[in-house]
Amino acid sequence: MTSLAGLPPVVSLEEAARFLRLTTGTTRRRLAAGDIIGWKEGSAGWRTTPQALADYIQARTRTTTPAGPPGPPGHRTAQATAPRSPRARAMRARRNTRSKEQP
């Protein structure tokens, strides 16, 4: 947990992004002016984690922004894979049911 002692309970996304850049070196997207993010009050005052901020920003922008830079080589996201043809789907289903029947 990273303490945010100097920040007020409600902070603009610009300030959140500035904090995120300081702690992780990156932000997920350009931030719109006036966006508001809430900070949960913990035992040591207002606190959050860079990952929580990143998740919040990603959730806010999931439907409107294009996909970010590709991940590590060899990693394919669900969106990056092409939809399967009916024939490929049938072959996969046959293969899966066969493997489950064998002890």
N, C-alpha and C. Protein backbone atom coordinates (compact mmCIF):
# COMPACT_ATOMS: atom_id res chain seq x y z
N MET A 1 0.83 -1.20 0.00
CA MET A 1 0.00 0.00 0.00
C MET A 1 0.87 1.25 0.00
N THR A 2 0.49 2.20 -0.83
CA THR A 2 1.21 3.46 -0.88
C THR A 2 0.37 4.52 -0.21
N SER A 3 0.92 5.20 0.76
CA SER A 3 0.16 6.20 1.49
C SER A 3 0.06 7.49 0.67
N LEU A 4 -1.12 8.09 0.69
CA LEU A 4 -1.34 9.34 -0.03
C LEU A 4 -1.70 10.43 0.97
N ALA A 5 -0.82 10.65 1.92
CA ALA A 5 -1.12 11.54 3.03
C ALA A 5 -1.49 12.95 2.57
N GLY A 6 -0.85 13.45 1.49
CA GLY A 6 -1.08 14.83 1.09
C GLY A 6 -2.30 15.05 0.22
N LEU A 7 -2.94 13.98 -0.25
CA LEU A 7 -4.04 14.15 -1.20
C LEU A 7 -5.39 14.23 -0.49
N PRO A 8 -6.30 15.05 -1.01
CA PRO A 8 -7.65 15.12 -0.45
C PRO A 8 -8.44 13.85 -0.82
N PRO A 9 -9.59 13.63 -0.16
CA PRO A 9 -10.35 12.41 -0.40
C PRO A 9 -10.83 12.25 -1.84
N VAL A 10 -11.15 13.34 -2.52
CA VAL A 10 -11.59 13.25 -3.91
C VAL A 10 -10.57 13.98 -4.78
N VAL A 11 -10.03 13.28 -5.76
CA VAL A 11 -8.93 13.81 -6.56
C VAL A 11 -9.31 13.70 -8.03
N SER A 12 -8.85 14.65 -8.84
CA SER A 12 -9.11 14.55 -10.28
C SER A 12 -8.26 13.44 -10.86
N LEU A 13 -8.66 12.92 -12.01
CA LEU A 13 -7.89 11.85 -12.64
C LEU A 13 -6.52 12.33 -13.08
N GLU A 14 -6.37 13.63 -13.35
CA GLU A 14 -5.04 14.15 -13.68
C GLU A 14 -4.08 13.94 -12.51
N GLU A 15 -4.56 14.26 -11.30
CA GLU A 15 -3.71 14.06 -10.13
C GLU A 15 -3.47 12.57 -9.89
N ALA A 16 -4.50 11.76 -10.12
CA ALA A 16 -4.34 10.32 -9.96
C ALA A 16 -3.30 9.80 -10.97
N ALA A 17 -3.37 10.31 -12.19
CA ALA A 17 -2.43 9.87 -13.22
C ALA A 17 -1.01 10.32 -12.87
N ARG A 18 -0.89 11.53 -12.32
CA ARG A 18 0.43 12.01 -11.92
C ARG A 18 1.01 11.08 -10.86
N PHE A 19 0.18 10.71 -9.89
CA PHE A 19 0.63 9.77 -8.86
C PHE A 19 0.99 8.42 -9.48
N LEU A 20 0.16 7.96 -10.41
CA LEU A 20 0.41 6.67 -11.05
C LEU A 20 1.72 6.70 -11.83
N ARG A 21 1.97 7.82 -12.53
CA ARG A 21 3.23 7.95 -13.28
C ARG A 21 4.42 7.93 -12.33
N LEU A 22 4.28 8.59 -11.19
CA LEU A 22 5.39 8.63 -10.23
C LEU A 22 5.68 7.25 -9.65
N THR A 23 4.62 6.44 -9.47
CA THR A 23 4.82 5.16 -8.80
C THR A 23 5.09 4.02 -9.77
N THR A 24 4.54 4.09 -10.99
CA THR A 24 4.71 2.96 -11.91
C THR A 24 5.36 3.37 -13.23
N GLY A 25 5.46 4.67 -13.48
CA GLY A 25 6.08 5.12 -14.72
C GLY A 25 5.16 5.08 -15.92
N THR A 26 3.87 4.85 -15.73
CA THR A 26 2.98 4.76 -16.88
C THR A 26 1.55 5.11 -16.48
N THR A 27 0.76 5.51 -17.47
CA THR A 27 -0.68 5.63 -17.28
C THR A 27 -1.35 4.87 -18.41
N ARG A 28 -2.60 4.50 -18.21
CA ARG A 28 -3.29 3.68 -19.20
C ARG A 28 -3.85 4.49 -20.37
N ARG A 29 -4.15 5.77 -20.19
CA ARG A 29 -4.75 6.55 -21.28
C ARG A 29 -4.61 8.03 -20.97
N ARG A 30 -4.98 8.85 -21.95
CA ARG A 30 -5.09 10.28 -21.67
C ARG A 30 -6.32 10.51 -20.81
N LEU A 31 -6.21 11.42 -19.88
CA LEU A 31 -7.31 11.63 -18.94
C LEU A 31 -8.10 12.87 -19.30
N ALA A 32 -9.41 12.77 -19.16
CA ALA A 32 -10.28 13.90 -19.46
C ALA A 32 -10.34 14.82 -18.26
N ALA A 33 -10.35 16.12 -18.51
CA ALA A 33 -10.41 17.09 -17.43
C ALA A 33 -11.74 16.94 -16.69
N GLY A 34 -11.70 17.05 -15.39
CA GLY A 34 -12.92 17.01 -14.60
C GLY A 34 -13.34 15.61 -14.17
N ASP A 35 -12.65 14.57 -14.65
CA ASP A 35 -12.98 13.22 -14.18
C ASP A 35 -12.64 13.12 -12.69
N ILE A 36 -13.46 12.41 -11.95
CA ILE A 36 -13.29 12.32 -10.50
C ILE A 36 -12.98 10.87 -10.12
N ILE A 37 -12.07 10.71 -9.18
CA ILE A 37 -11.80 9.38 -8.64
C ILE A 37 -11.85 9.48 -7.12
N GLY A 38 -12.44 8.48 -6.48
CA GLY A 38 -12.54 8.48 -5.03
C GLY A 38 -11.42 7.67 -4.41
N TRP A 39 -11.02 8.06 -3.22
CA TRP A 39 -9.96 7.35 -2.51
C TRP A 39 -10.57 6.75 -1.25
N LYS A 40 -10.32 5.49 -1.02
CA LYS A 40 -10.89 4.82 0.14
C LYS A 40 -10.07 5.16 1.39
N GLU A 41 -10.76 5.41 2.48
CA GLU A 41 -10.06 5.75 3.72
C GLU A 41 -9.63 4.47 4.43
N GLY A 42 -8.34 4.36 4.70
CA GLY A 42 -7.81 3.18 5.38
C GLY A 42 -7.35 3.54 6.78
N SER A 43 -6.64 2.62 7.42
CA SER A 43 -6.21 2.84 8.80
C SER A 43 -5.20 3.98 8.90
N ALA A 44 -4.43 4.22 7.84
CA ALA A 44 -3.41 5.28 7.89
C ALA A 44 -3.81 6.45 7.00
N GLY A 45 -5.09 6.79 6.98
CA GLY A 45 -5.55 7.89 6.14
C GLY A 45 -5.97 7.42 4.77
N TRP A 46 -6.04 8.36 3.83
CA TRP A 46 -6.48 8.02 2.48
C TRP A 46 -5.36 7.28 1.77
N ARG A 47 -5.70 6.11 1.21
CA ARG A 47 -4.66 5.33 0.56
C ARG A 47 -5.25 4.52 -0.61
N THR A 48 -4.39 4.15 -1.52
CA THR A 48 -4.77 3.27 -2.63
C THR A 48 -3.49 2.65 -3.15
N THR A 49 -3.59 1.85 -4.18
CA THR A 49 -2.41 1.25 -4.79
C THR A 49 -2.35 1.65 -6.25
N PRO A 50 -1.18 1.69 -6.84
CA PRO A 50 -1.08 1.99 -8.27
C PRO A 50 -1.92 1.02 -9.10
N GLN A 51 -1.99 -0.26 -8.69
CA GLN A 51 -2.76 -1.24 -9.44
C GLN A 51 -4.25 -0.92 -9.38
N ALA A 52 -4.73 -0.48 -8.21
CA ALA A 52 -6.14 -0.12 -8.08
C ALA A 52 -6.47 1.06 -8.99
N LEU A 53 -5.56 2.03 -9.05
CA LEU A 53 -5.75 3.17 -9.95
C LEU A 53 -5.78 2.71 -11.40
N ALA A 54 -4.85 1.85 -11.76
CA ALA A 54 -4.78 1.36 -13.14
C ALA A 54 -6.06 0.61 -13.49
N ASP A 55 -6.56 -0.22 -12.57
CA ASP A 55 -7.79 -0.97 -12.81
C ASP A 55 -8.97 -0.02 -12.98
N TYR A 56 -9.01 1.03 -12.15
CA TYR A 56 -10.10 2.00 -12.25
C TYR A 56 -10.09 2.69 -13.60
N ILE A 57 -8.90 3.14 -14.01
CA ILE A 57 -8.79 3.85 -15.29
C ILE A 57 -9.13 2.91 -16.44
N GLN A 58 -8.67 1.67 -16.36
CA GLN A 58 -8.95 0.71 -17.42
C GLN A 58 -10.45 0.41 -17.50
N ALA A 59 -11.10 0.26 -16.34
CA ALA A 59 -12.53 -0.03 -16.33
C ALA A 59 -13.33 1.13 -16.91
N ARG A 60 -12.90 2.36 -16.63
CA ARG A 60 -13.60 3.53 -17.16
C ARG A 60 -13.49 3.63 -18.67
N THR A 61 -12.40 3.09 -19.23
CA THR A 61 -12.12 3.31 -20.64
C THR A 61 -12.24 2.05 -21.48
N ARG A 62 -12.70 0.96 -20.90
CA ARG A 62 -12.71 -0.32 -21.61
C ARG A 62 -13.53 -0.26 -22.90
N THR A 63 -14.67 0.46 -22.90
CA THR A 63 -15.54 0.44 -24.07
C THR A 63 -15.19 1.52 -25.09
N THR A 64 -14.46 2.55 -24.69
CA THR A 64 -14.28 3.68 -25.60
C THR A 64 -12.90 3.75 -26.24
N THR A 65 -11.87 3.23 -25.59
CA THR A 65 -10.53 3.40 -26.14
C THR A 65 -10.08 2.15 -26.89
N PRO A 66 -9.26 2.30 -27.90
CA PRO A 66 -8.73 1.13 -28.61
C PRO A 66 -7.77 0.36 -27.71
N ALA A 67 -7.44 -0.85 -28.13
CA ALA A 67 -6.53 -1.68 -27.34
C ALA A 67 -5.18 -1.01 -27.24
N GLY A 68 -4.51 -1.21 -26.12
CA GLY A 68 -3.19 -0.63 -25.90
C GLY A 68 -2.11 -1.37 -26.65
N PRO A 69 -0.86 -1.12 -26.31
CA PRO A 69 0.24 -1.81 -26.99
C PRO A 69 0.17 -3.31 -26.71
N PRO A 70 0.65 -4.13 -27.64
CA PRO A 70 0.57 -5.57 -27.43
C PRO A 70 1.39 -6.02 -26.23
N GLY A 71 1.01 -7.11 -25.65
CA GLY A 71 1.69 -7.64 -24.47
C GLY A 71 2.99 -8.32 -24.83
N PRO A 72 3.51 -9.13 -23.92
CA PRO A 72 4.78 -9.83 -24.19
C PRO A 72 4.63 -10.78 -25.38
N PRO A 73 5.72 -11.08 -26.08
CA PRO A 73 5.62 -11.97 -27.24
C PRO A 73 5.09 -13.34 -26.83
N GLY A 74 4.25 -13.90 -27.69
CA GLY A 74 3.67 -15.20 -27.38
C GLY A 74 2.36 -15.09 -26.63
N HIS A 75 2.04 -13.92 -26.12
CA HIS A 75 0.79 -13.74 -25.36
C HIS A 75 -0.28 -13.21 -26.30
N ARG A 76 -1.40 -13.91 -26.39
CA ARG A 76 -2.50 -13.46 -27.25
C ARG A 76 -3.74 -13.25 -26.40
N THR A 77 -4.34 -12.09 -26.53
CA THR A 77 -5.56 -11.81 -25.78
C THR A 77 -6.75 -12.40 -26.52
N ALA A 78 -7.88 -12.46 -25.86
CA ALA A 78 -9.08 -13.03 -26.47
C ALA A 78 -9.50 -12.21 -27.70
N GLN A 79 -9.28 -10.90 -27.65
CA GLN A 79 -9.68 -10.06 -28.77
C GLN A 79 -8.77 -10.25 -29.97
N ALA A 80 -7.52 -10.63 -29.70
CA ALA A 80 -6.55 -10.73 -30.79
C ALA A 80 -6.74 -12.01 -31.59
N THR A 81 -7.35 -13.05 -30.98
CA THR A 81 -7.52 -14.30 -31.71
C THR A 81 -8.71 -14.18 -32.64
N ALA A 82 -8.59 -14.78 -33.81
CA ALA A 82 -9.68 -14.72 -34.79
C ALA A 82 -10.82 -15.63 -34.34
N PRO A 83 -12.05 -15.30 -34.71
CA PRO A 83 -13.16 -16.20 -34.36
C PRO A 83 -13.00 -17.54 -35.07
N ARG A 84 -13.35 -18.62 -34.40
CA ARG A 84 -13.16 -19.96 -34.98
C ARG A 84 -14.24 -20.26 -36.01
N SER A 85 -13.86 -20.99 -37.02
CA SER A 85 -14.82 -21.45 -38.02
C SER A 85 -15.66 -22.57 -37.41
N PRO A 86 -16.85 -22.83 -37.96
CA PRO A 86 -17.68 -23.93 -37.42
C PRO A 86 -16.94 -25.27 -37.46
N ARG A 87 -16.16 -25.49 -38.52
CA ARG A 87 -15.41 -26.75 -38.64
C ARG A 87 -14.37 -26.86 -37.53
N ALA A 88 -13.63 -25.77 -37.29
CA ALA A 88 -12.61 -25.79 -36.25
C ALA A 88 -13.25 -25.97 -34.87
N ARG A 89 -14.40 -25.34 -34.67
CA ARG A 89 -15.10 -25.46 -33.40
C ARG A 89 -15.54 -26.91 -33.16
N ALA A 90 -16.05 -27.56 -34.23
CA ALA A 90 -16.50 -28.95 -34.12
C ALA A 90 -15.32 -29.88 -33.81
N MET A 91 -14.19 -29.64 -34.48
CA MET A 91 -13.01 -30.48 -34.24
C MET A 91 -12.53 -30.33 -32.80
N ARG A 92 -12.54 -29.09 -32.31
CA ARG A 92 -12.11 -28.83 -30.94
C ARG A 92 -13.06 -29.52 -29.95
N ALA A 93 -14.36 -29.44 -30.22
CA ALA A 93 -15.34 -30.07 -29.33
C ALA A 93 -15.14 -31.58 -29.30
N ARG A 94 -14.91 -32.19 -30.47
CA ARG A 94 -14.65 -33.64 -30.52
C ARG A 94 -13.41 -34.00 -29.71
N ARG A 95 -12.36 -33.23 -29.90
CA ARG A 95 -11.11 -33.51 -29.21
C ARG A 95 -11.30 -33.39 -27.68
N ASN A 96 -12.04 -32.37 -27.25
CA ASN A 96 -12.25 -32.16 -25.82
C ASN A 96 -13.09 -33.27 -25.20
N THR A 97 -14.16 -33.70 -25.88
CA THR A 97 -15.01 -34.74 -25.30
C THR A 97 -14.27 -36.07 -25.25
N ARG A 98 -13.46 -36.34 -26.27
CA ARG A 98 -12.70 -37.59 -26.28
C ARG A 98 -11.75 -37.65 -25.09
N SER A 99 -11.05 -36.56 -24.82
CA SER A 99 -10.05 -36.57 -23.75
C SER A 99 -10.72 -36.71 -22.37
N LYS A 100 -11.95 -36.22 -22.23
CA LYS A 100 -12.64 -36.32 -20.95
C LYS A 100 -13.13 -37.74 -20.68
N GLU A 101 -13.47 -38.50 -21.74
CA GLU A 101 -13.99 -39.85 -21.56
C GLU A 101 -12.91 -40.81 -21.09
N GLN A 102 -11.67 -40.59 -21.52
CA GLN A 102 -10.59 -41.51 -21.14
C GLN A 102 -10.24 -41.32 -19.66
N PRO A 103 -9.97 -42.41 -18.94
CA PRO A 103 -9.63 -42.29 -17.52
C PRO A 103 -8.27 -41.67 -17.31
